[in-house]
Amino acid sequence: MDISQVVIVGRTVKAPEISDLPSGTRMAKLTIAVSTGWGDKKKTSFFDCKCFGKTVDVFDKYVGKGKEIGITGTLEQETWKNKDGENRSRIVIVINSLSLGGKKEEDNDDDGSGDVPF
């Protein structure tokens, strides 16, 4: 049995980019920064993520730049050819569920913190 399960908690780098696919399905793309360590040993990693359907509505309403979120998802390899015809690929996280953390640093309103049901 193959398993591809990811759980991370971090902060959004910028507001999600929301678009409509030709099929009519909504999609959101975002990057989540996750820091580990402390002091001069601190390291930040950046993870590209995407989600579809009703989950996009939650991102559209509650998630902006700097928002702390926790996600679970699966890994997916995207492949394409660059302008020179070379094969390229990257791994993205396809979000299955999320949990909203504390307020964004610049947000003073109620942000709907907590688990988000789908």
PDB file of N, CA and C in Angstrom:
ATOM      1  N   MET A   1       0.851  -1.178   0.000  1.00  0.00           N
ATOM      2  CA  MET A   1       0.000   0.000   0.000  1.00  0.00           C
ATOM      3  C   MET A   1       0.897   1.242   0.000  1.00  0.00           C
ATOM      4  N   ASP A   2       0.613   2.173  -0.891  1.00  0.00           N
ATOM      5  CA  ASP A   2       1.340   3.431  -0.952  1.00  0.00           C
ATOM      6  C   ASP A   2       0.626   4.470  -0.099  1.00  0.00           C
ATOM      7  N   ILE A   3       1.402   5.275   0.613  1.00  0.00           N
ATOM      8  CA  ILE A   3       0.833   6.325   1.456  1.00  0.00           C
ATOM      9  C   ILE A   3       1.527   7.636   1.147  1.00  0.00           C
ATOM     10  N   SER A   4       0.738   8.673   0.987  1.00  0.00           N
ATOM     11  CA  SER A   4       1.251  10.021   0.762  1.00  0.00           C
ATOM     12  C   SER A   4       0.435  10.957   1.624  1.00  0.00           C
ATOM     13  N   GLN A   5       0.869  11.176   2.850  1.00  0.00           N
ATOM     14  CA  GLN A   5       0.131  12.015   3.801  1.00  0.00           C
ATOM     15  C   GLN A   5       1.074  13.044   4.391  1.00  0.00           C
ATOM     16  N   VAL A   6       0.656  14.308   4.398  1.00  0.00           N
ATOM     17  CA  VAL A   6       1.473  15.406   4.901  1.00  0.00           C
ATOM     18  C   VAL A   6       0.656  16.193   5.910  1.00  0.00           C
ATOM     19  N   VAL A   7       1.300  16.593   7.010  1.00  0.00           N
ATOM     20  CA  VAL A   7       0.683  17.480   7.996  1.00  0.00           C
ATOM     21  C   VAL A   7       1.691  18.574   8.299  1.00  0.00           C
ATOM     22  N   ILE A   8       1.304  19.831   8.075  1.00  0.00           N
ATOM     23  CA  ILE A   8       2.184  20.948   8.411  1.00  0.00           C
ATOM     24  C   ILE A   8       1.376  22.069   9.050  1.00  0.00           C
ATOM     25  N   VAL A   9       2.057  22.864   9.854  1.00  0.00           N
ATOM     26  CA  VAL A   9       1.488  24.081  10.429  1.00  0.00           C
ATOM     27  C   VAL A   9       2.483  25.194  10.143  1.00  0.00           C
ATOM     28  N   GLY A  10       1.987  26.278   9.581  1.00  0.00           N
ATOM     29  CA  GLY A  10       2.857  27.397   9.243  1.00  0.00           C
ATOM     30  C   GLY A  10       2.044  28.634   8.937  1.00  0.00           C
ATOM     31  N   ARG A  11       2.664  29.574   8.245  1.00  0.00           N
ATOM     32  CA  ARG A  11       2.003  30.833   7.889  1.00  0.00           C
ATOM     33  C   ARG A  11       2.004  31.014   6.376  1.00  0.00           C
ATOM     34  N   THR A  12       0.909  31.582   5.889  1.00  0.00           N
ATOM     35  CA  THR A  12       0.818  31.850   4.459  1.00  0.00           C
ATOM     36  C   THR A  12       1.784  32.972   4.090  1.00  0.00           C
ATOM     37  N   VAL A  13       2.460  32.806   2.958  1.00  0.00           N
ATOM     38  CA  VAL A  13       3.434  33.784   2.496  1.00  0.00           C
ATOM     39  C   VAL A  13       2.728  35.002   1.899  1.00  0.00           C
ATOM     40  N   LYS A  14       1.619  34.766   1.204  1.00  0.00           N
ATOM     41  CA  LYS A  14       0.785  35.838   0.656  1.00  0.00           C
ATOM     42  C   LYS A  14      -0.637  35.302   0.541  1.00  0.00           C
ATOM     43  N   ALA A  15      -1.561  36.163   0.182  1.00  0.00           N
ATOM     44  CA  ALA A  15      -2.947  35.726   0.026  1.00  0.00           C
ATOM     45  C   ALA A  15      -3.032  34.655  -1.059  1.00  0.00           C
ATOM     46  N   PRO A  16      -3.903  33.658  -0.891  1.00  0.00           N
ATOM     47  CA  PRO A  16      -4.044  32.612  -1.897  1.00  0.00           C
ATOM     48  C   PRO A  16      -4.453  33.195  -3.255  1.00  0.00           C
ATOM     49  N   GLU A  17      -3.938  32.582  -4.324  1.00  0.00           N
ATOM     50  CA  GLU A  17      -4.332  32.949  -5.683  1.00  0.00           C
ATOM     51  C   GLU A  17      -5.487  32.035  -6.070  1.00  0.00           C
ATOM     52  N   ILE A  18      -6.648  32.630  -6.297  1.00  0.00           N
ATOM     53  CA  ILE A  18      -7.847  31.848  -6.581  1.00  0.00           C
ATOM     54  C   ILE A  18      -8.206  32.003  -8.052  1.00  0.00           C
ATOM     55  N   SER A  19      -8.519  30.872  -8.686  1.00  0.00           N
ATOM     56  CA  SER A  19      -8.881  30.896 -10.103  1.00  0.00           C
ATOM     57  C   SER A  19      -9.938  29.836 -10.379  1.00  0.00           C
ATOM     58  N   ASP A  20     -10.556  29.952 -11.548  1.00  0.00           N
ATOM     59  CA  ASP A  20     -11.523  28.963 -12.005  1.00  0.00           C
ATOM     60  C   ASP A  20     -10.893  28.144 -13.121  1.00  0.00           C
ATOM     61  N   LEU A  21     -10.958  26.828 -12.985  1.00  0.00           N
ATOM     62  CA  LEU A  21     -10.443  25.937 -14.019  1.00  0.00           C
ATOM     63  C   LEU A  21     -11.451  25.868 -15.165  1.00  0.00           C
ATOM     64  N   PRO A  22     -11.019  25.453 -16.361  1.00  0.00           N
ATOM     65  CA  PRO A  22     -11.950  25.330 -17.494  1.00  0.00           C
ATOM     66  C   PRO A  22     -13.169  24.451 -17.175  1.00  0.00           C
ATOM     67  N   SER A  23     -13.007  23.503 -16.261  1.00  0.00           N
ATOM     68  CA  SER A  23     -14.113  22.620 -15.872  1.00  0.00           C
ATOM     69  C   SER A  23     -15.143  23.333 -14.999  1.00  0.00           C
ATOM     70  N   GLY A  24     -14.808  24.551 -14.527  1.00  0.00           N
ATOM     71  CA  GLY A  24     -15.701  25.288 -13.640  1.00  0.00           C
ATOM     72  C   GLY A  24     -15.343  25.119 -12.171  1.00  0.00           C
ATOM     73  N   THR A  25     -14.435  24.217 -11.856  1.00  0.00           N
ATOM     74  CA  THR A  25     -13.992  24.004 -10.480  1.00  0.00           C
ATOM     75  C   THR A  25     -13.094  25.156 -10.040  1.00  0.00           C
ATOM     76  N   ARG A  26     -13.295  25.630  -8.819  1.00  0.00           N
ATOM     77  CA  ARG A  26     -12.430  26.675  -8.271  1.00  0.00           C
ATOM     78  C   ARG A  26     -11.168  26.039  -7.704  1.00  0.00           C
ATOM     79  N   MET A  27     -10.039  26.761  -7.823  1.00  0.00           N
ATOM     80  CA  MET A  27      -8.764  26.282  -7.304  1.00  0.00           C
ATOM     81  C   MET A  27      -8.063  27.434  -6.598  1.00  0.00           C
ATOM     82  N   ALA A  28      -7.402  27.125  -5.505  1.00  0.00           N
ATOM     83  CA  ALA A  28      -6.562  28.102  -4.802  1.00  0.00           C
ATOM     84  C   ALA A  28      -5.143  27.563  -4.754  1.00  0.00           C
ATOM     85  N   LYS A  29      -4.175  28.439  -5.010  1.00  0.00           N
ATOM     86  CA  LYS A  29      -2.759  28.106  -4.865  1.00  0.00           C
ATOM     87  C   LYS A  29      -2.187  29.014  -3.798  1.00  0.00           C
ATOM     88  N   LEU A  30      -1.323  28.470  -2.955  1.00  0.00           N
ATOM     89  CA  LEU A  30      -0.695  29.257  -1.916  1.00  0.00           C
ATOM     90  C   LEU A  30       0.613  28.622  -1.503  1.00  0.00           C
ATOM     91  N   THR A  31       1.420  29.389  -0.800  1.00  0.00           N
ATOM     92  CA  THR A  31       2.679  28.900  -0.250  1.00  0.00           C
ATOM     93  C   THR A  31       2.631  29.071   1.254  1.00  0.00           C
ATOM     94  N   ILE A  32       3.042  28.024   1.958  1.00  0.00           N
ATOM     95  CA  ILE A  32       3.075  28.047   3.416  1.00  0.00           C
ATOM     96  C   ILE A  32       4.524  27.971   3.880  1.00  0.00           C
ATOM     97  N   ALA A  33       4.896  28.912   4.748  1.00  0.00           N
ATOM     98  CA  ALA A  33       6.241  28.937   5.332  1.00  0.00           C
ATOM     99  C   ALA A  33       6.199  28.214   6.678  1.00  0.00           C
ATOM    100  N   VAL A  34       7.136  27.294   6.874  1.00  0.00           N
ATOM    101  CA  VAL A  34       7.229  26.530   8.117  1.00  0.00           C
ATOM    102  C   VAL A  34       8.640  26.699   8.668  1.00  0.00           C
ATOM    103  N   SER A  35       8.728  27.228   9.880  1.00  0.00           N
ATOM    104  CA  SER A  35      10.030  27.449  10.510  1.00  0.00           C
ATOM    105  C   SER A  35      10.315  26.363  11.534  1.00  0.00           C
ATOM    106  N   THR A  36      11.575  25.927  11.564  1.00  0.00           N
ATOM    107  CA  THR A  36      12.024  24.954  12.549  1.00  0.00           C
ATOM    108  C   THR A  36      13.290  25.496  13.201  1.00  0.00           C
ATOM    109  N   GLY A  37      13.590  25.003  14.367  1.00  0.00           N
ATOM    110  CA  GLY A  37      14.771  25.467  15.093  1.00  0.00           C
ATOM    111  C   GLY A  37      14.514  26.809  15.754  1.00  0.00           C
ATOM    112  N   TRP A  38      15.588  27.392  16.309  1.00  0.00           N
ATOM    113  CA  TRP A  38      15.478  28.692  16.969  1.00  0.00           C
ATOM    114  C   TRP A  38      16.829  29.383  16.927  1.00  0.00           C
ATOM    115  N   GLY A  39      16.805  30.674  17.195  1.00  0.00           N
ATOM    116  CA  GLY A  39      18.035  31.456  17.196  1.00  0.00           C
ATOM    117  C   GLY A  39      18.751  31.376  15.861  1.00  0.00           C
ATOM    118  N   ASP A  40      20.081  31.220  15.907  1.00  0.00           N
ATOM    119  CA  ASP A  40      20.856  31.157  14.665  1.00  0.00           C
ATOM    120  C   ASP A  40      20.713  29.804  13.962  1.00  0.00           C
ATOM    121  N   LYS A  41      19.980  28.870  14.562  1.00  0.00           N
ATOM    122  CA  LYS A  41      19.723  27.553  13.958  1.00  0.00           C
ATOM    123  C   LYS A  41      18.362  27.515  13.262  1.00  0.00           C
ATOM    124  N   LYS A  42      17.623  28.632  13.292  1.00  0.00           N
ATOM    125  CA  LYS A  42      16.293  28.670  12.709  1.00  0.00           C
ATOM    126  C   LYS A  42      16.382  28.554  11.188  1.00  0.00           C
ATOM    127  N   LYS A  43      15.478  27.718  10.637  1.00  0.00           N
ATOM    128  CA  LYS A  43      15.422  27.504   9.198  1.00  0.00           C
ATOM    129  C   LYS A  43      13.957  27.549   8.778  1.00  0.00           C
ATOM    130  N   THR A  44      13.684  28.225   7.671  1.00  0.00           N
ATOM    131  CA  THR A  44      12.324  28.294   7.147  1.00  0.00           C
ATOM    132  C   THR A  44      12.268  27.582   5.808  1.00  0.00           C
ATOM    133  N   SER A  45      11.276  26.704   5.675  1.00  0.00           N
ATOM    134  CA  SER A  45      11.032  26.000   4.423  1.00  0.00           C
ATOM    135  C   SER A  45       9.700  26.481   3.850  1.00  0.00           C
ATOM    136  N   PHE A  46       9.592  26.488   2.526  1.00  0.00           N
ATOM    137  CA  PHE A  46       8.401  26.981   1.850  1.00  0.00           C
ATOM    138  C   PHE A  46       7.775  25.843   1.052  1.00  0.00           C
ATOM    139  N   PHE A  47       6.460  25.653   1.241  1.00  0.00           N
ATOM    140  CA  PHE A  47       5.743  24.555   0.602  1.00  0.00           C
ATOM    141  C   PHE A  47       4.622  25.098  -0.272  1.00  0.00           C
ATOM    142  N   ASP A  48       4.650  24.740  -1.567  1.00  0.00           N
ATOM    143  CA  ASP A  48       3.584  25.114  -2.486  1.00  0.00           C
ATOM    144  C   ASP A  48       2.418  24.172  -2.267  1.00  0.00           C
ATOM    145  N   CYS A  49       1.211  24.753  -2.212  1.00  0.00           N
ATOM    146  CA  CYS A  49       0.002  23.983  -1.939  1.00  0.00           C
ATOM    147  C   CYS A  49      -1.105  24.404  -2.891  1.00  0.00           C
ATOM    148  N   LYS A  50      -2.087  23.532  -3.035  1.00  0.00           N
ATOM    149  CA  LYS A  50      -3.279  23.881  -3.803  1.00  0.00           C
ATOM    150  C   LYS A  50      -4.467  23.124  -3.237  1.00  0.00           C
ATOM    151  N   CYS A  51      -5.654  23.663  -3.494  1.00  0.00           N
ATOM    152  CA  CYS A  51      -6.879  22.999  -3.068  1.00  0.00           C
ATOM    153  C   CYS A  51      -7.984  23.323  -4.066  1.00  0.00           C
ATOM    154  N   PHE A  52      -9.079  22.585  -3.968  1.00  0.00           N
ATOM    155  CA  PHE A  52     -10.159  22.684  -4.942  1.00  0.00           C
ATOM    156  C   PHE A  52     -11.510  22.734  -4.243  1.00  0.00           C
ATOM    157  N   GLY A  53     -12.521  23.159  -4.989  1.00  0.00           N
ATOM    158  CA  GLY A  53     -13.902  23.076  -4.533  1.00  0.00           C
ATOM    159  C   GLY A  53     -14.228  23.953  -3.341  1.00  0.00           C
ATOM    160  N   LYS A  54     -14.987  23.398  -2.402  1.00  0.00           N
ATOM    161  CA  LYS A  54     -15.484  24.157  -1.245  1.00  0.00           C
ATOM    162  C   LYS A  54     -14.354  24.659  -0.348  1.00  0.00           C
ATOM    163  N   THR A  55     -13.245  23.946  -0.317  1.00  0.00           N
ATOM    164  CA  THR A  55     -12.110  24.383   0.493  1.00  0.00           C
ATOM    165  C   THR A  55     -11.639  25.765   0.041  1.00  0.00           C
ATOM    166  N   VAL A  56     -11.759  26.048  -1.243  1.00  0.00           N
ATOM    167  CA  VAL A  56     -11.345  27.349  -1.784  1.00  0.00           C
ATOM    168  C   VAL A  56     -12.167  28.471  -1.159  1.00  0.00           C
ATOM    169  N   ASP A  57     -13.457  28.220  -0.905  1.00  0.00           N
ATOM    170  CA  ASP A  57     -14.316  29.240  -0.291  1.00  0.00           C
ATOM    171  C   ASP A  57     -13.790  29.651   1.077  1.00  0.00           C
ATOM    172  N   VAL A  58     -13.282  28.683   1.840  1.00  0.00           N
ATOM    173  CA  VAL A  58     -12.724  28.979   3.169  1.00  0.00           C
ATOM    174  C   VAL A  58     -11.471  29.833   3.020  1.00  0.00           C
ATOM    175  N   PHE A  59     -10.598  29.462   2.094  1.00  0.00           N
ATOM    176  CA  PHE A  59      -9.392  30.262   1.868  1.00  0.00           C
ATOM    177  C   PHE A  59      -9.759  31.675   1.433  1.00  0.00           C
ATOM    178  N   ASP A  60     -10.742  31.789   0.546  1.00  0.00           N
ATOM    179  CA  ASP A  60     -11.162  33.095   0.039  1.00  0.00           C
ATOM    180  C   ASP A  60     -11.689  33.980   1.165  1.00  0.00           C
ATOM    181  N   LYS A  61     -12.415  33.407   2.099  1.00  0.00           N
ATOM    182  CA  LYS A  61     -13.062  34.187   3.169  1.00  0.00           C
ATOM    183  C   LYS A  61     -12.144  34.465   4.367  1.00  0.00           C
ATOM    184  N   TYR A  62     -11.320  33.493   4.758  1.00  0.00           N
ATOM    185  CA  TYR A  62     -10.600  33.592   6.027  1.00  0.00           C
ATOM    186  C   TYR A  62      -9.077  33.698   5.947  1.00  0.00           C
ATOM    187  N   VAL A  63      -8.472  33.379   4.811  1.00  0.00           N
ATOM    188  CA  VAL A  63      -7.016  33.254   4.785  1.00  0.00           C
ATOM    189  C   VAL A  63      -6.387  34.335   3.911  1.00  0.00           C
ATOM    190  N   GLY A  64      -5.521  35.130   4.527  1.00  0.00           N
ATOM    191  CA  GLY A  64      -4.748  36.146   3.815  1.00  0.00           C
ATOM    192  C   GLY A  64      -3.279  35.975   4.139  1.00  0.00           C
ATOM    193  N   LYS A  65      -2.493  36.948   3.776  1.00  0.00           N
ATOM    194  CA  LYS A  65      -1.052  36.911   4.036  1.00  0.00           C
ATOM    195  C   LYS A  65      -0.779  36.844   5.543  1.00  0.00           C
ATOM    196  N   GLY A  66       0.135  35.963   5.926  1.00  0.00           N
ATOM    197  CA  GLY A  66       0.569  35.863   7.315  1.00  0.00           C
ATOM    198  C   GLY A  66      -0.335  35.053   8.217  1.00  0.00           C
ATOM    199  N   LYS A  67      -1.392  34.468   7.699  1.00  0.00           N
ATOM    200  CA  LYS A  67      -2.336  33.689   8.507  1.00  0.00           C
ATOM    201  C   LYS A  67      -1.721  32.351   8.889  1.00  0.00           C
ATOM    202  N   GLU A  68      -1.828  32.016  10.166  1.00  0.00           N
ATOM    203  CA  GLU A  68      -1.358  30.713  10.629  1.00  0.00           C
ATOM    204  C   GLU A  68      -2.414  29.662  10.306  1.00  0.00           C
ATOM    205  N   ILE A  69      -1.985  28.602   9.612  1.00  0.00           N
ATOM    206  CA  ILE A  69      -2.900  27.509   9.288  1.00  0.00           C
ATOM    207  C   ILE A  69      -2.192  26.174   9.452  1.00  0.00           C
ATOM    208  N   GLY A  70      -2.983  25.181   9.734  1.00  0.00           N
ATOM    209  CA  GLY A  70      -2.508  23.806   9.742  1.00  0.00           C
ATOM    210  C   GLY A  70      -3.237  23.074   8.626  1.00  0.00           C
ATOM    211  N   ILE A  71      -2.520  22.259   7.882  1.00  0.00           N
ATOM    212  CA  ILE A  71      -3.161  21.528   6.796  1.00  0.00           C
ATOM    213  C   ILE A  71      -2.768  20.065   6.829  1.00  0.00           C
ATOM    214  N   THR A  72      -3.639  19.243   6.285  1.00  0.00           N
ATOM    215  CA  THR A  72      -3.296  17.867   5.949  1.00  0.00           C
ATOM    216  C   THR A  72      -3.542  17.726   4.454  1.00  0.00           C
ATOM    217  N   GLY A  73      -2.758  16.916   3.821  1.00  0.00           N
ATOM    218  CA  GLY A  73      -2.920  16.742   2.389  1.00  0.00           C
ATOM    219  C   GLY A  73      -2.071  15.610   1.864  1.00  0.00           C
ATOM    220  N   THR A  74      -2.070  15.496   0.558  1.00  0.00           N
ATOM    221  CA  THR A  74      -1.290  14.477  -0.127  1.00  0.00           C
ATOM    222  C   THR A  74      -0.267  15.157  -1.036  1.00  0.00           C
ATOM    223  N   LEU A  75       0.782  14.437  -1.364  1.00  0.00           N
ATOM    224  CA  LEU A  75       1.803  14.968  -2.255  1.00  0.00           C
ATOM    225  C   LEU A  75       1.455  14.624  -3.698  1.00  0.00           C
ATOM    226  N   GLU A  76       1.696  15.594  -4.584  1.00  0.00           N
ATOM    227  CA  GLU A  76       1.447  15.383  -6.013  1.00  0.00           C
ATOM    228  C   GLU A  76       2.610  15.962  -6.804  1.00  0.00           C
ATOM    229  N   GLN A  77       3.078  15.211  -7.781  1.00  0.00           N
ATOM    230  CA  GLN A  77       4.146  15.704  -8.633  1.00  0.00           C
ATOM    231  C   GLN A  77       3.536  16.343  -9.873  1.00  0.00           C
ATOM    232  N   GLU A  78       3.882  17.610 -10.112  1.00  0.00           N
ATOM    233  CA  GLU A  78       3.472  18.311 -11.326  1.00  0.00           C
ATOM    234  C   GLU A  78       4.645  18.263 -12.303  1.00  0.00           C
ATOM    235  N   THR A  79       4.362  18.005 -13.569  1.00  0.00           N
ATOM    236  CA  THR A  79       5.409  17.961 -14.582  1.00  0.00           C
ATOM    237  C   THR A  79       5.018  18.849 -15.757  1.00  0.00           C
ATOM    238  N   TRP A  80       6.026  19.436 -16.419  1.00  0.00           N
ATOM    239  CA  TRP A  80       5.824  20.279 -17.580  1.00  0.00           C
ATOM    240  C   TRP A  80       7.135  20.412 -18.326  1.00  0.00           C
ATOM    241  N   LYS A  81       7.077  20.983 -19.511  1.00  0.00           N
ATOM    242  CA  LYS A  81       8.286  21.295 -20.280  1.00  0.00           C
ATOM    243  C   LYS A  81       8.478  22.807 -20.241  1.00  0.00           C
ATOM    244  N   ASN A  82       9.716  23.242 -19.988  1.00  0.00           N
ATOM    245  CA  ASN A  82       9.990  24.679 -19.984  1.00  0.00           C
ATOM    246  C   ASN A  82      10.095  25.185 -21.423  1.00  0.00           C
ATOM    247  N   LYS A  83      10.389  26.469 -21.583  1.00  0.00           N
ATOM    248  CA  LYS A  83      10.417  27.067 -22.926  1.00  0.00           C
ATOM    249  C   LYS A  83      11.502  26.470 -23.818  1.00  0.00           C
ATOM    250  N   ASP A  84      12.507  25.833 -23.190  1.00  0.00           N
ATOM    251  CA  ASP A  84      13.576  25.185 -23.961  1.00  0.00           C
ATOM    252  C   ASP A  84      13.284  23.708 -24.240  1.00  0.00           C
ATOM    253  N   GLY A  85      12.086  23.254 -23.847  1.00  0.00           N
ATOM    254  CA  GLY A  85      11.698  21.865 -24.085  1.00  0.00           C
ATOM    255  C   GLY A  85      12.227  20.881 -23.060  1.00  0.00           C
ATOM    256  N   GLU A  86      12.843  21.374 -21.977  1.00  0.00           N
ATOM    257  CA  GLU A  86      13.373  20.498 -20.930  1.00  0.00           C
ATOM    258  C   GLU A  86      12.259  20.102 -19.977  1.00  0.00           C
ATOM    259  N   ASN A  87      12.294  18.849 -19.526  1.00  0.00           N
ATOM    260  CA  ASN A  87      11.323  18.370 -18.549  1.00  0.00           C
ATOM    261  C   ASN A  87      11.591  19.001 -17.190  1.00  0.00           C
ATOM    262  N   ARG A  88      10.548  19.478 -16.558  1.00  0.00           N
ATOM    263  CA  ARG A  88      10.643  20.072 -15.218  1.00  0.00           C
ATOM    264  C   ARG A  88       9.580  19.419 -14.338  1.00  0.00           C
ATOM    265  N   SER A  89       9.804  19.452 -13.034  1.00  0.00           N
ATOM    266  CA  SER A  89       8.802  18.925 -12.107  1.00  0.00           C
ATOM    267  C   SER A  89       8.960  19.577 -10.745  1.00  0.00           C
ATOM    268  N   ARG A  90       7.912  19.480  -9.972  1.00  0.00           N
ATOM    269  CA  ARG A  90       7.931  19.937  -8.586  1.00  0.00           C
ATOM    270  C   ARG A  90       6.867  19.171  -7.823  1.00  0.00           C
ATOM    271  N   ILE A  91       7.028  19.135  -6.517  1.00  0.00           N
ATOM    272  CA  ILE A  91       6.070  18.469  -5.643  1.00  0.00           C
ATOM    273  C   ILE A  91       5.222  19.542  -4.964  1.00  0.00           C
ATOM    274  N   VAL A  92       3.902  19.365  -4.988  1.00  0.00           N
ATOM    275  CA  VAL A  92       2.986  20.277  -4.304  1.00  0.00           C
ATOM    276  C   VAL A  92       2.134  19.470  -3.331  1.00  0.00           C
ATOM    277  N   ILE A  93       1.606  20.154  -2.352  1.00  0.00           N
ATOM    278  CA  ILE A  93       0.691  19.529  -1.397  1.00  0.00           C
ATOM    279  C   ILE A  93      -0.734  19.842  -1.842  1.00  0.00           C
ATOM    280  N   VAL A  94      -1.541  18.805  -2.033  1.00  0.00           N
ATOM    281  CA  VAL A  94      -2.957  18.974  -2.335  1.00  0.00           C
ATOM    282  C   VAL A  94      -3.694  18.906  -1.003  1.00  0.00           C
ATOM    283  N   ILE A  95      -4.257  20.025  -0.585  1.00  0.00           N
ATOM    284  CA  ILE A  95      -4.860  20.142   0.742  1.00  0.00           C
ATOM    285  C   ILE A  95      -6.186  19.389   0.804  1.00  0.00           C
ATOM    286  N   ASN A  96      -6.312  18.544   1.850  1.00  0.00           N
ATOM    287  CA  ASN A  96      -7.556  17.821   2.104  1.00  0.00           C
ATOM    288  C   ASN A  96      -8.363  18.471   3.216  1.00  0.00           C
ATOM    289  N   SER A  97      -7.684  19.014   4.221  1.00  0.00           N
ATOM    290  CA  SER A  97      -8.372  19.683   5.325  1.00  0.00           C
ATOM    291  C   SER A  97      -7.446  20.726   5.926  1.00  0.00           C
ATOM    292  N   LEU A  98      -8.056  21.686   6.619  1.00  0.00           N
ATOM    293  CA  LEU A  98      -7.251  22.723   7.247  1.00  0.00           C
ATOM    294  C   LEU A  98      -7.835  23.131   8.571  1.00  0.00           C
ATOM    295  N   SER A  99      -6.973  23.732   9.378  1.00  0.00           N
ATOM    296  CA  SER A  99      -7.332  24.286  10.668  1.00  0.00           C
ATOM    297  C   SER A  99      -6.771  25.695  10.704  1.00  0.00           C
ATOM    298  N   LEU A 100      -7.601  26.660  11.063  1.00  0.00           N
ATOM    299  CA  LEU A 100      -7.152  28.043  11.112  1.00  0.00           C
ATOM    300  C   LEU A 100      -6.568  28.344  12.478  1.00  0.00           C
ATOM    301  N   GLY A 101      -5.410  28.998  12.492  1.00  0.00           N
ATOM    302  CA  GLY A 101      -4.739  29.340  13.737  1.00  0.00           C
ATOM    303  C   GLY A 101      -5.126  30.717  14.219  1.00  0.00           C
ATOM    304  N   GLY A 102      -4.197  31.352  14.943  1.00  0.00           N
ATOM    305  CA  GLY A 102      -4.434  32.673  15.502  1.00  0.00           C
ATOM    306  C   GLY A 102      -4.622  33.725  14.438  1.00  0.00           C
ATOM    307  N   LYS A 103      -4.813  34.941  14.885  1.00  0.00           N
ATOM    308  CA  LYS A 103      -5.051  36.056  13.979  1.00  0.00           C
ATOM    309  C   LYS A 103      -3.810  36.399  13.181  1.00  0.00           C
ATOM    310  N   LYS A 104      -4.034  36.946  11.973  1.00  0.00           N
ATOM    311  CA  LYS A 104      -2.932  37.519  11.213  1.00  0.00           C
ATOM    312  C   LYS A 104      -2.412  38.693  12.024  1.00  0.00           C
ATOM    313  N   GLU A 105      -1.159  39.011  11.858  1.00  0.00           N
ATOM    314  CA  GLU A 105      -0.567  40.093  12.629  1.00  0.00           C
ATOM    315  C   GLU A 105      -1.258  41.424  12.384  1.00  0.00           C
ATOM    316  N   GLU A 106      -1.732  41.677  11.144  1.00  0.00           N
ATOM    317  CA  GLU A 106      -2.370  42.950  10.846  1.00  0.00           C
ATOM    318  C   GLU A 106      -3.883  42.904  10.981  1.00  0.00           C
ATOM    319  N   ASP A 107      -4.456  41.786  11.455  1.00  0.00           N
ATOM    320  CA  ASP A 107      -5.900  41.597  11.532  1.00  0.00           C
ATOM    321  C   ASP A 107      -6.372  41.753  12.973  1.00  0.00           C
ATOM    322  N   ASN A 108      -7.329  42.660  13.187  1.00  0.00           N
ATOM    323  CA  ASN A 108      -7.869  42.869  14.527  1.00  0.00           C
ATOM    324  C   ASN A 108      -9.298  42.376  14.647  1.00  0.00           C
ATOM    325  N   ASP A 109      -9.891  41.857  13.551  1.00  0.00           N
ATOM    326  CA  ASP A 109     -11.262  41.379  13.570  1.00  0.00           C
ATOM    327  C   ASP A 109     -11.292  39.893  13.879  1.00  0.00           C
ATOM    328  N   ASP A 110     -12.507  39.383  14.172  1.00  0.00           N
ATOM    329  CA  ASP A 110     -12.691  37.953  14.354  1.00  0.00           C
ATOM    330  C   ASP A 110     -12.327  37.243  13.060  1.00  0.00           C
ATOM    331  N   ASP A 111     -11.479  36.253  13.142  1.00  0.00           N
ATOM    332  CA  ASP A 111     -11.006  35.600  11.925  1.00  0.00           C
ATOM    333  C   ASP A 111     -11.525  34.180  11.760  1.00  0.00           C
ATOM    334  N   GLY A 112     -12.449  33.747  12.590  1.00  0.00           N
ATOM    335  CA  GLY A 112     -12.985  32.414  12.430  1.00  0.00           C
ATOM    336  C   GLY A 112     -11.999  31.334  12.813  1.00  0.00           C
ATOM    337  N   SER A 113     -11.097  31.605  13.777  1.00  0.00           N
ATOM    338  CA  SER A 113     -10.099  30.618  14.163  1.00  0.00           C
ATOM    339  C   SER A 113     -10.734  29.308  14.584  1.00  0.00           C
ATOM    340  N   GLY A 114     -10.076  28.239  14.278  1.00  0.00           N
ATOM    341  CA  GLY A 114     -10.526  26.918  14.673  1.00  0.00           C
ATOM    342  C   GLY A 114     -10.632  25.992  13.483  1.00  0.00           C
ATOM    343  N   ASP A 115     -11.085  24.766  13.745  1.00  0.00           N
ATOM    344  CA  ASP A 115     -11.221  23.784  12.684  1.00  0.00           C
ATOM    345  C   ASP A 115     -12.306  24.210  11.716  1.00  0.00           C
ATOM    346  N   VAL A 116     -12.104  23.906  10.463  1.00  0.00           N
ATOM    347  CA  VAL A 116     -13.069  24.271   9.442  1.00  0.00           C
ATOM    348  C   VAL A 116     -13.692  22.992   8.892  1.00  0.00           C
ATOM    349  N   PRO A 117     -15.007  22.811   9.080  1.00  0.00           N
ATOM    350  CA  PRO A 117     -15.658  21.611   8.547  1.00  0.00           C
ATOM    351  C   PRO A 117     -15.920  21.754   7.061  1.00  0.00           C
ATOM    352  N   PHE A 118     -15.896  20.618   6.351  1.00  0.00           N
ATOM    353  CA  PHE A 118     -16.196  20.639   4.911  1.00  0.00           C
ATOM    354  C   PHE A 118     -17.346  19.735   4.639  1.00  0.00           C
TER     355      PHE A 118
END
